[in-house]
Amino acid sequence: MPLPPEVLRTRLNNEIASCARYVRHPLRVSEGDFSDFPVEIEVHLMKIPGLALVDGGVEPRNDHVFSIIVNGDYPFEKPLVVWRTPIFHPNIMIPEDGGHVCIKLLDDWGFNSTLLSFVKGIETLLLSPNPSSPFGTESCTAAAEHLNTMKRSAPPVICKPLPKVVRAD
């Protein structure tokens, strides 16, 4: 049973306002008064490092765009997420393959889930990809192989002891 329309509109307004307060990324909403569903919320992740496939090569990218599509059964039904910009990531499909995002937050979606926790989860996914569980697309498996190769070839980090602090009393 979906939420009454007025309750759903209030919840979405509150969640979008919360996102605007607590994340530094611009949001654009397709339907400002939520009178018609589905509603598309476009999120522009800024200054979050990731990789992108561009002209057959891998390049660093710090700005990303994805859409969260909310239907009238929200929050009982999880939103649909579609990646819009070039990406080279084991857990995010390139837009040409559908732009789907593999994230536990979507698998565990429930009534108490929020858009804010989801956007923060996407930030974390970009910063900490999971190459051991890629989507089965060509680009995602290539991204997983790329990340695994980079891990193996990275020099070990050698920690030096900190100098002893002597207090002058």
N, C-alpha and C. Protein backbone atom coordinates (compact mmCIF):
# COMPACT_ATOMS: atom_id res chain seq x y z
N MET A 1 0.85 -1.18 0.00
CA MET A 1 0.00 0.00 0.00
C MET A 1 0.89 1.24 0.00
N PRO A 2 0.79 2.08 -1.01
CA PRO A 2 1.65 3.28 -1.08
C PRO A 2 1.26 4.31 -0.02
N LEU A 3 2.19 5.23 0.22
CA LEU A 3 1.91 6.33 1.15
C LEU A 3 0.84 7.24 0.53
N PRO A 4 0.04 7.89 1.36
CA PRO A 4 -0.88 8.90 0.81
C PRO A 4 -0.06 9.97 0.07
N PRO A 5 -0.58 10.48 -1.04
CA PRO A 5 0.20 11.42 -1.87
C PRO A 5 0.80 12.59 -1.10
N GLU A 6 0.06 13.18 -0.17
CA GLU A 6 0.59 14.33 0.57
C GLU A 6 1.75 13.92 1.48
N VAL A 7 1.67 12.74 2.08
CA VAL A 7 2.74 12.24 2.94
C VAL A 7 3.99 11.95 2.10
N LEU A 8 3.79 11.36 0.93
CA LEU A 8 4.91 11.07 0.03
C LEU A 8 5.58 12.36 -0.43
N ARG A 9 4.78 13.37 -0.81
CA ARG A 9 5.35 14.66 -1.23
C ARG A 9 6.16 15.29 -0.10
N THR A 10 5.63 15.25 1.12
CA THR A 10 6.33 15.83 2.27
C THR A 10 7.64 15.08 2.52
N ARG A 11 7.58 13.75 2.46
CA ARG A 11 8.79 12.95 2.70
C ARG A 11 9.85 13.27 1.65
N LEU A 12 9.48 13.30 0.37
CA LEU A 12 10.45 13.61 -0.68
C LEU A 12 11.03 15.01 -0.52
N ASN A 13 10.18 15.99 -0.21
CA ASN A 13 10.69 17.35 0.03
C ASN A 13 11.71 17.36 1.16
N ASN A 14 11.40 16.66 2.25
CA ASN A 14 12.32 16.61 3.40
C ASN A 14 13.62 15.90 3.04
N GLU A 15 13.54 14.80 2.29
CA GLU A 15 14.76 14.06 1.93
C GLU A 15 15.63 14.86 0.97
N ILE A 16 15.03 15.54 0.03
CA ILE A 16 15.81 16.36 -0.91
C ILE A 16 16.43 17.54 -0.18
N ALA A 17 15.69 18.15 0.73
CA ALA A 17 16.24 19.25 1.53
C ALA A 17 17.40 18.76 2.38
N SER A 18 17.29 17.57 2.93
CA SER A 18 18.37 16.98 3.72
C SER A 18 19.61 16.74 2.86
N CYS A 19 19.40 16.24 1.66
CA CYS A 19 20.53 16.05 0.73
C CYS A 19 21.20 17.39 0.43
N ALA A 20 20.39 18.41 0.18
CA ALA A 20 20.94 19.73 -0.15
C ALA A 20 21.76 20.29 1.02
N ARG A 21 21.34 19.98 2.26
CA ARG A 21 22.06 20.47 3.44
C ARG A 21 23.35 19.71 3.72
N TYR A 22 23.32 18.40 3.55
CA TYR A 22 24.41 17.57 4.05
C TYR A 22 25.37 17.02 3.00
N VAL A 23 25.11 17.23 1.74
CA VAL A 23 26.09 16.85 0.72
C VAL A 23 26.39 18.09 -0.10
N ARG A 24 27.57 18.11 -0.68
CA ARG A 24 27.99 19.31 -1.41
C ARG A 24 27.67 19.23 -2.89
N HIS A 25 26.82 18.31 -3.27
CA HIS A 25 26.55 18.06 -4.68
C HIS A 25 25.22 18.68 -5.10
N PRO A 26 25.20 19.35 -6.25
CA PRO A 26 23.95 19.92 -6.75
C PRO A 26 22.95 18.82 -7.13
N LEU A 27 21.68 19.09 -6.86
CA LEU A 27 20.58 18.20 -7.22
C LEU A 27 19.63 18.95 -8.13
N ARG A 28 19.08 18.25 -9.11
CA ARG A 28 18.06 18.85 -9.97
C ARG A 28 16.87 17.89 -9.98
N VAL A 29 15.70 18.41 -9.66
CA VAL A 29 14.50 17.58 -9.57
C VAL A 29 13.61 17.88 -10.77
N SER A 30 13.15 16.81 -11.45
CA SER A 30 12.35 16.99 -12.66
C SER A 30 10.95 17.52 -12.36
N GLU A 31 10.43 17.19 -11.22
CA GLU A 31 9.05 17.52 -10.87
C GLU A 31 9.05 18.17 -9.50
N GLY A 32 9.11 19.49 -9.44
CA GLY A 32 9.28 20.20 -8.18
C GLY A 32 8.19 20.01 -7.15
N ASP A 33 6.94 19.85 -7.59
CA ASP A 33 5.86 19.72 -6.61
C ASP A 33 5.42 18.27 -6.39
N PHE A 34 6.09 17.34 -7.06
CA PHE A 34 5.82 15.90 -6.91
C PHE A 34 4.35 15.55 -7.15
N SER A 35 3.75 16.22 -8.12
CA SER A 35 2.34 15.91 -8.43
C SER A 35 2.24 14.77 -9.43
N ASP A 36 3.33 14.45 -10.09
CA ASP A 36 3.31 13.42 -11.12
C ASP A 36 4.53 12.52 -10.96
N PHE A 37 4.33 11.23 -10.95
CA PHE A 37 5.41 10.26 -10.80
C PHE A 37 5.56 9.46 -12.07
N PRO A 38 6.76 8.99 -12.37
CA PRO A 38 7.98 9.02 -11.58
C PRO A 38 8.63 10.40 -11.58
N VAL A 39 9.43 10.63 -10.53
CA VAL A 39 10.21 11.86 -10.36
C VAL A 39 11.67 11.49 -10.55
N GLU A 40 12.38 12.29 -11.34
CA GLU A 40 13.81 12.05 -11.55
C GLU A 40 14.61 13.10 -10.79
N ILE A 41 15.54 12.62 -9.98
CA ILE A 41 16.43 13.50 -9.23
C ILE A 41 17.83 13.29 -9.80
N GLU A 42 18.35 14.31 -10.44
CA GLU A 42 19.68 14.21 -11.03
C GLU A 42 20.70 14.72 -10.01
N VAL A 43 21.70 13.89 -9.74
CA VAL A 43 22.72 14.23 -8.74
C VAL A 43 24.05 14.44 -9.46
N HIS A 44 24.69 15.57 -9.21
CA HIS A 44 26.00 15.88 -9.78
C HIS A 44 27.03 15.72 -8.67
N LEU A 45 27.74 14.59 -8.67
CA LEU A 45 28.81 14.39 -7.69
C LEU A 45 30.01 15.20 -8.12
N MET A 46 30.48 16.05 -7.25
CA MET A 46 31.59 16.92 -7.58
C MET A 46 32.77 16.63 -6.65
N LYS A 47 33.96 16.62 -7.24
CA LYS A 47 35.21 16.42 -6.50
C LYS A 47 35.28 15.07 -5.80
N ILE A 48 34.71 14.05 -6.45
CA ILE A 48 34.81 12.68 -5.97
C ILE A 48 35.63 11.93 -7.02
N PRO A 49 36.83 11.48 -6.66
CA PRO A 49 37.68 10.84 -7.67
C PRO A 49 37.14 9.47 -8.11
N GLY A 50 37.30 9.23 -9.38
CA GLY A 50 36.93 7.96 -9.98
C GLY A 50 37.65 7.85 -11.32
N LEU A 51 37.35 6.78 -12.03
CA LEU A 51 37.93 6.58 -13.35
C LEU A 51 36.83 6.57 -14.39
N ALA A 52 37.19 6.93 -15.61
CA ALA A 52 36.23 6.94 -16.72
C ALA A 52 36.88 6.34 -17.95
N LEU A 53 36.06 5.66 -18.74
CA LEU A 53 36.49 5.18 -20.05
C LEU A 53 36.21 6.30 -21.05
N VAL A 54 37.26 6.81 -21.67
CA VAL A 54 37.11 7.89 -22.64
C VAL A 54 37.95 7.54 -23.86
N ASP A 55 37.31 7.41 -25.01
CA ASP A 55 38.00 7.08 -26.27
C ASP A 55 38.90 5.86 -26.13
N GLY A 56 38.40 4.84 -25.43
CA GLY A 56 39.15 3.59 -25.29
C GLY A 56 40.23 3.60 -24.24
N GLY A 57 40.40 4.73 -23.55
CA GLY A 57 41.43 4.82 -22.51
C GLY A 57 40.80 5.11 -21.15
N VAL A 58 41.60 4.91 -20.11
CA VAL A 58 41.14 5.17 -18.75
C VAL A 58 41.71 6.50 -18.29
N GLU A 59 40.82 7.37 -17.82
CA GLU A 59 41.23 8.69 -17.36
C GLU A 59 40.62 8.98 -15.99
N PRO A 60 41.30 9.77 -15.18
CA PRO A 60 40.68 10.18 -13.91
C PRO A 60 39.51 11.12 -14.18
N ARG A 61 38.49 11.02 -13.34
CA ARG A 61 37.33 11.90 -13.47
C ARG A 61 36.87 12.24 -12.06
N ASN A 62 36.60 13.50 -11.82
CA ASN A 62 36.18 13.95 -10.49
C ASN A 62 34.74 14.42 -10.42
N ASP A 63 34.07 14.51 -11.53
CA ASP A 63 32.67 14.93 -11.57
C ASP A 63 31.86 13.84 -12.25
N HIS A 64 30.74 13.47 -11.63
CA HIS A 64 29.91 12.37 -12.12
C HIS A 64 28.45 12.79 -12.02
N VAL A 65 27.62 12.19 -12.87
CA VAL A 65 26.18 12.47 -12.83
C VAL A 65 25.44 11.14 -12.86
N PHE A 66 24.46 11.02 -11.96
CA PHE A 66 23.55 9.89 -12.00
C PHE A 66 22.16 10.37 -11.65
N SER A 67 21.16 9.58 -12.03
CA SER A 67 19.77 9.91 -11.74
C SER A 67 19.18 8.90 -10.78
N ILE A 68 18.37 9.40 -9.88
CA ILE A 68 17.57 8.58 -8.98
C ILE A 68 16.13 8.77 -9.43
N ILE A 69 15.48 7.70 -9.83
CA ILE A 69 14.11 7.78 -10.32
C ILE A 69 13.19 7.17 -9.27
N VAL A 70 12.31 7.99 -8.75
CA VAL A 70 11.41 7.61 -7.66
C VAL A 70 10.00 7.46 -8.22
N ASN A 71 9.37 6.33 -7.92
CA ASN A 71 7.98 6.17 -8.36
C ASN A 71 7.02 6.39 -7.20
N GLY A 72 5.75 6.27 -7.44
CA GLY A 72 4.71 6.55 -6.45
C GLY A 72 4.67 5.56 -5.30
N ASP A 73 5.39 4.43 -5.39
CA ASP A 73 5.42 3.46 -4.29
C ASP A 73 6.61 3.68 -3.36
N TYR A 74 7.36 4.74 -3.59
CA TYR A 74 8.47 5.08 -2.71
C TYR A 74 7.92 5.37 -1.33
N PRO A 75 8.54 5.03 -0.27
CA PRO A 75 9.81 4.36 -0.06
C PRO A 75 9.70 2.83 0.05
N PHE A 76 8.49 2.30 -0.15
CA PHE A 76 8.33 0.85 -0.06
C PHE A 76 9.06 0.14 -1.20
N GLU A 77 9.16 0.81 -2.33
CA GLU A 77 9.90 0.27 -3.47
C GLU A 77 11.14 1.13 -3.67
N LYS A 78 12.28 0.45 -3.86
CA LYS A 78 13.53 1.18 -4.03
C LYS A 78 13.51 1.99 -5.32
N PRO A 79 14.25 3.09 -5.32
CA PRO A 79 14.33 3.89 -6.55
C PRO A 79 15.18 3.18 -7.60
N LEU A 80 15.01 3.59 -8.83
CA LEU A 80 15.85 3.13 -9.92
C LEU A 80 17.00 4.12 -10.04
N VAL A 81 18.21 3.62 -10.24
CA VAL A 81 19.38 4.48 -10.35
C VAL A 81 20.02 4.26 -11.71
N VAL A 82 20.33 5.34 -12.41
CA VAL A 82 20.93 5.25 -13.74
C VAL A 82 22.13 6.20 -13.80
N TRP A 83 23.31 5.63 -14.10
CA TRP A 83 24.54 6.41 -14.24
C TRP A 83 24.51 7.12 -15.58
N ARG A 84 24.88 8.41 -15.62
CA ARG A 84 24.76 9.21 -16.84
C ARG A 84 26.09 9.59 -17.50
N THR A 85 27.19 9.57 -16.77
CA THR A 85 28.48 10.03 -17.31
C THR A 85 29.43 8.86 -17.51
N PRO A 86 30.48 9.04 -18.32
CA PRO A 86 31.46 7.96 -18.50
C PRO A 86 32.03 7.50 -17.16
N ILE A 87 32.24 6.19 -17.05
CA ILE A 87 32.72 5.60 -15.79
C ILE A 87 33.52 4.35 -16.13
N PHE A 88 34.49 4.03 -15.32
CA PHE A 88 35.25 2.78 -15.43
C PHE A 88 35.31 2.22 -14.02
N HIS A 89 34.35 1.39 -13.69
CA HIS A 89 34.14 0.96 -12.31
C HIS A 89 33.56 -0.46 -12.34
N PRO A 90 34.02 -1.34 -11.46
CA PRO A 90 33.51 -2.71 -11.49
C PRO A 90 32.05 -2.84 -11.05
N ASN A 91 31.54 -1.86 -10.30
CA ASN A 91 30.20 -1.97 -9.72
C ASN A 91 29.21 -0.98 -10.30
N ILE A 92 29.63 -0.25 -11.34
CA ILE A 92 28.74 0.71 -12.00
C ILE A 92 28.88 0.50 -13.51
N MET A 93 27.77 0.20 -14.17
CA MET A 93 27.79 0.00 -15.62
C MET A 93 27.94 1.34 -16.34
N ILE A 94 28.65 1.31 -17.46
CA ILE A 94 28.71 2.50 -18.30
C ILE A 94 27.30 2.81 -18.81
N PRO A 95 27.00 4.06 -19.12
CA PRO A 95 25.65 4.40 -19.58
C PRO A 95 25.19 3.56 -20.78
N GLU A 96 26.11 3.22 -21.68
CA GLU A 96 25.74 2.44 -22.87
C GLU A 96 25.27 1.03 -22.51
N ASP A 97 25.69 0.52 -21.36
CA ASP A 97 25.27 -0.81 -20.90
C ASP A 97 24.07 -0.75 -19.96
N GLY A 98 23.53 0.43 -19.72
CA GLY A 98 22.35 0.57 -18.87
C GLY A 98 22.56 1.47 -17.67
N GLY A 99 23.83 1.72 -17.28
CA GLY A 99 24.12 2.62 -16.18
C GLY A 99 23.67 2.13 -14.81
N HIS A 100 23.46 0.83 -14.66
CA HIS A 100 23.00 0.29 -13.38
C HIS A 100 24.11 0.37 -12.34
N VAL A 101 23.72 0.50 -11.09
CA VAL A 101 24.65 0.62 -9.97
C VAL A 101 24.42 -0.55 -9.04
N CYS A 102 25.49 -1.27 -8.71
CA CYS A 102 25.42 -2.40 -7.80
C CYS A 102 25.87 -1.92 -6.43
N ILE A 103 24.94 -1.71 -5.55
CA ILE A 103 25.27 -1.22 -4.22
C ILE A 103 24.35 -1.88 -3.20
N LYS A 104 24.91 -2.27 -2.10
CA LYS A 104 24.15 -2.97 -1.06
C LYS A 104 22.97 -2.14 -0.56
N LEU A 105 23.11 -0.82 -0.57
CA LEU A 105 22.01 0.03 -0.11
C LEU A 105 20.74 -0.21 -0.92
N LEU A 106 20.88 -0.52 -2.20
CA LEU A 106 19.69 -0.81 -3.01
C LEU A 106 19.15 -2.19 -2.68
N ASP A 107 20.03 -3.17 -2.45
CA ASP A 107 19.58 -4.52 -2.10
C ASP A 107 18.83 -4.51 -0.77
N ASP A 108 19.28 -3.69 0.16
CA ASP A 108 18.69 -3.64 1.49
C ASP A 108 17.67 -2.52 1.65
N TRP A 109 17.18 -1.98 0.54
CA TRP A 109 16.27 -0.84 0.61
C TRP A 109 15.02 -1.20 1.40
N GLY A 110 14.60 -0.28 2.26
CA GLY A 110 13.39 -0.45 3.04
C GLY A 110 12.77 0.89 3.36
N PHE A 111 11.68 0.86 4.08
CA PHE A 111 10.93 2.07 4.41
C PHE A 111 11.79 3.13 5.07
N ASN A 112 12.75 2.72 5.89
CA ASN A 112 13.59 3.67 6.62
C ASN A 112 14.81 4.14 5.83
N SER A 113 14.99 3.65 4.63
CA SER A 113 16.10 4.10 3.79
C SER A 113 15.83 5.52 3.31
N THR A 114 16.90 6.26 3.06
CA THR A 114 16.74 7.65 2.62
C THR A 114 17.62 7.95 1.41
N LEU A 115 17.26 8.99 0.71
CA LEU A 115 18.08 9.44 -0.42
C LEU A 115 19.45 9.90 0.05
N LEU A 116 19.52 10.55 1.21
CA LEU A 116 20.80 11.02 1.74
C LEU A 116 21.75 9.86 1.97
N SER A 117 21.28 8.80 2.63
CA SER A 117 22.17 7.66 2.87
C SER A 117 22.58 7.01 1.56
N PHE A 118 21.69 7.04 0.58
CA PHE A 118 22.03 6.46 -0.72
C PHE A 118 23.11 7.28 -1.43
N VAL A 119 22.97 8.59 -1.47
CA VAL A 119 23.97 9.44 -2.13
C VAL A 119 25.33 9.29 -1.44
N LYS A 120 25.33 9.25 -0.11
CA LYS A 120 26.60 9.03 0.62
C LYS A 120 27.17 7.65 0.29
N GLY A 121 26.30 6.65 0.11
CA GLY A 121 26.75 5.32 -0.28
C GLY A 121 27.39 5.31 -1.65
N ILE A 122 26.87 6.09 -2.58
CA ILE A 122 27.46 6.19 -3.92
C ILE A 122 28.85 6.83 -3.82
N GLU A 123 28.99 7.87 -2.99
CA GLU A 123 30.32 8.47 -2.77
C GLU A 123 31.31 7.41 -2.30
N THR A 124 30.89 6.62 -1.33
CA THR A 124 31.75 5.57 -0.79
C THR A 124 32.09 4.53 -1.85
N LEU A 125 31.12 4.15 -2.65
CA LEU A 125 31.35 3.17 -3.71
C LEU A 125 32.38 3.68 -4.72
N LEU A 126 32.30 4.95 -5.07
CA LEU A 126 33.29 5.52 -6.01
C LEU A 126 34.69 5.49 -5.41
N LEU A 127 34.78 5.81 -4.12
CA LEU A 127 36.08 5.85 -3.46
C LEU A 127 36.63 4.46 -3.14
N SER A 128 35.75 3.49 -2.97
CA SER A 128 36.16 2.13 -2.57
C SER A 128 35.44 1.09 -3.42
N PRO A 129 35.81 0.96 -4.69
CA PRO A 129 35.15 -0.04 -5.54
C PRO A 129 35.42 -1.45 -5.03
N ASN A 130 34.53 -2.38 -5.40
CA ASN A 130 34.67 -3.77 -5.00
C ASN A 130 34.99 -4.61 -6.24
N PRO A 131 36.28 -4.76 -6.58
CA PRO A 131 36.63 -5.51 -7.79
C PRO A 131 36.39 -7.01 -7.66
N SER A 132 36.12 -7.50 -6.46
CA SER A 132 35.86 -8.94 -6.31
C SER A 132 34.43 -9.31 -6.66
N SER A 133 33.58 -8.31 -6.92
CA SER A 133 32.18 -8.60 -7.25
C SER A 133 31.70 -7.65 -8.36
N PRO A 134 32.30 -7.75 -9.56
CA PRO A 134 31.90 -6.83 -10.63
C PRO A 134 30.60 -7.27 -11.30
N PHE A 135 29.94 -6.32 -11.93
CA PHE A 135 28.86 -6.66 -12.86
C PHE A 135 29.48 -7.49 -13.98
N GLY A 136 28.68 -8.25 -14.68
CA GLY A 136 29.19 -9.13 -15.74
C GLY A 136 29.40 -8.45 -17.08
N THR A 137 29.35 -7.13 -17.15
CA THR A 137 29.57 -6.46 -18.43
C THR A 137 31.06 -6.41 -18.73
N GLU A 138 31.37 -6.19 -19.99
CA GLU A 138 32.77 -6.13 -20.42
C GLU A 138 33.53 -5.01 -19.70
N SER A 139 32.91 -3.83 -19.60
CA SER A 139 33.61 -2.70 -18.97
C SER A 139 33.79 -2.92 -17.47
N CYS A 140 32.80 -3.51 -16.80
CA CYS A 140 32.91 -3.74 -15.35
C CYS A 140 33.96 -4.80 -15.04
N THR A 141 34.00 -5.87 -15.81
CA THR A 141 35.03 -6.89 -15.56
C THR A 141 36.41 -6.35 -15.90
N ALA A 142 36.51 -5.51 -16.94
CA ALA A 142 37.80 -4.89 -17.27
C ALA A 142 38.24 -3.95 -16.14
N ALA A 143 37.29 -3.21 -15.56
CA ALA A 143 37.62 -2.31 -14.45
C ALA A 143 38.10 -3.12 -13.24
N ALA A 144 37.46 -4.25 -12.97
CA ALA A 144 37.88 -5.10 -11.86
C ALA A 144 39.30 -5.61 -12.09
N GLU A 145 39.59 -6.06 -13.30
CA GLU A 145 40.94 -6.55 -13.63
C GLU A 145 41.96 -5.42 -13.49
N HIS A 146 41.60 -4.24 -13.97
CA HIS A 146 42.48 -3.06 -13.89
C HIS A 146 42.80 -2.74 -12.42
N LEU A 147 41.79 -2.71 -11.58
CA LEU A 147 42.01 -2.39 -10.17
C LEU A 147 42.82 -3.48 -9.47
N ASN A 148 42.55 -4.73 -9.79
CA ASN A 148 43.34 -5.83 -9.19
C ASN A 148 44.80 -5.75 -9.62
N THR A 149 45.06 -5.41 -10.87
CA THR A 149 46.43 -5.26 -11.37
C THR A 149 47.12 -4.10 -10.66
N MET A 150 46.40 -3.00 -10.48
CA MET A 150 46.99 -1.84 -9.81
C MET A 150 47.34 -2.19 -8.36
N LYS A 151 46.49 -2.96 -7.68
CA LYS A 151 46.78 -3.37 -6.29
C LYS A 151 48.04 -4.22 -6.23
N ARG A 152 48.16 -5.16 -7.17
CA ARG A 152 49.32 -6.06 -7.16
C ARG A 152 50.61 -5.32 -7.48
N SER A 153 50.53 -4.29 -8.33
CA SER A 153 51.75 -3.60 -8.75
C SER A 153 52.11 -2.41 -7.85
N ALA A 154 51.25 -2.09 -6.91
CA ALA A 154 51.53 -0.95 -6.02
C ALA A 154 52.65 -1.32 -5.06
N PRO A 155 53.60 -0.40 -4.87
CA PRO A 155 54.69 -0.69 -3.92
C PRO A 155 54.13 -0.76 -2.51
N PRO A 156 54.75 -1.57 -1.66
CA PRO A 156 54.26 -1.66 -0.29
C PRO A 156 54.46 -0.33 0.44
N VAL A 157 53.56 -0.05 1.33
CA VAL A 157 53.65 1.16 2.12
C VAL A 157 54.48 0.84 3.36
N ILE A 158 55.55 1.58 3.54
CA ILE A 158 56.42 1.35 4.69
C ILE A 158 56.17 2.48 5.67
N CYS A 159 55.76 2.09 6.84
CA CYS A 159 55.48 3.08 7.89
C CYS A 159 56.73 3.29 8.72
N LYS A 160 57.10 4.52 8.87
CA LYS A 160 58.25 4.85 9.71
C LYS A 160 57.72 5.25 11.08
N PRO A 161 58.46 4.89 12.13
CA PRO A 161 57.99 5.29 13.45
C PRO A 161 58.03 6.81 13.58
N LEU A 162 57.09 7.32 14.33
CA LEU A 162 57.05 8.74 14.59
C LEU A 162 58.17 9.13 15.53
N PRO A 163 58.72 10.32 15.40
CA PRO A 163 59.77 10.74 16.34
C PRO A 163 59.19 10.86 17.75
N LYS A 164 60.02 10.58 18.69
CA LYS A 164 59.61 10.65 20.09
C LYS A 164 59.46 12.11 20.47
N VAL A 165 58.37 12.42 21.13
CA VAL A 165 58.11 13.79 21.55
C VAL A 165 58.64 13.95 22.98
N VAL A 166 59.47 14.92 23.16
CA VAL A 166 60.04 15.19 24.48
C VAL A 166 59.38 16.44 25.00
N ARG A 167 58.78 16.32 26.15
CA ARG A 167 58.10 17.48 26.74
C ARG A 167 59.10 18.30 27.54
N ALA A 168 59.03 19.57 27.33
CA ALA A 168 59.88 20.47 28.11
C ALA A 168 59.03 21.02 29.24
N ASP A 169 59.35 20.62 30.44
CA ASP A 169 58.57 21.09 31.60
C ASP A 169 59.27 22.22 32.32
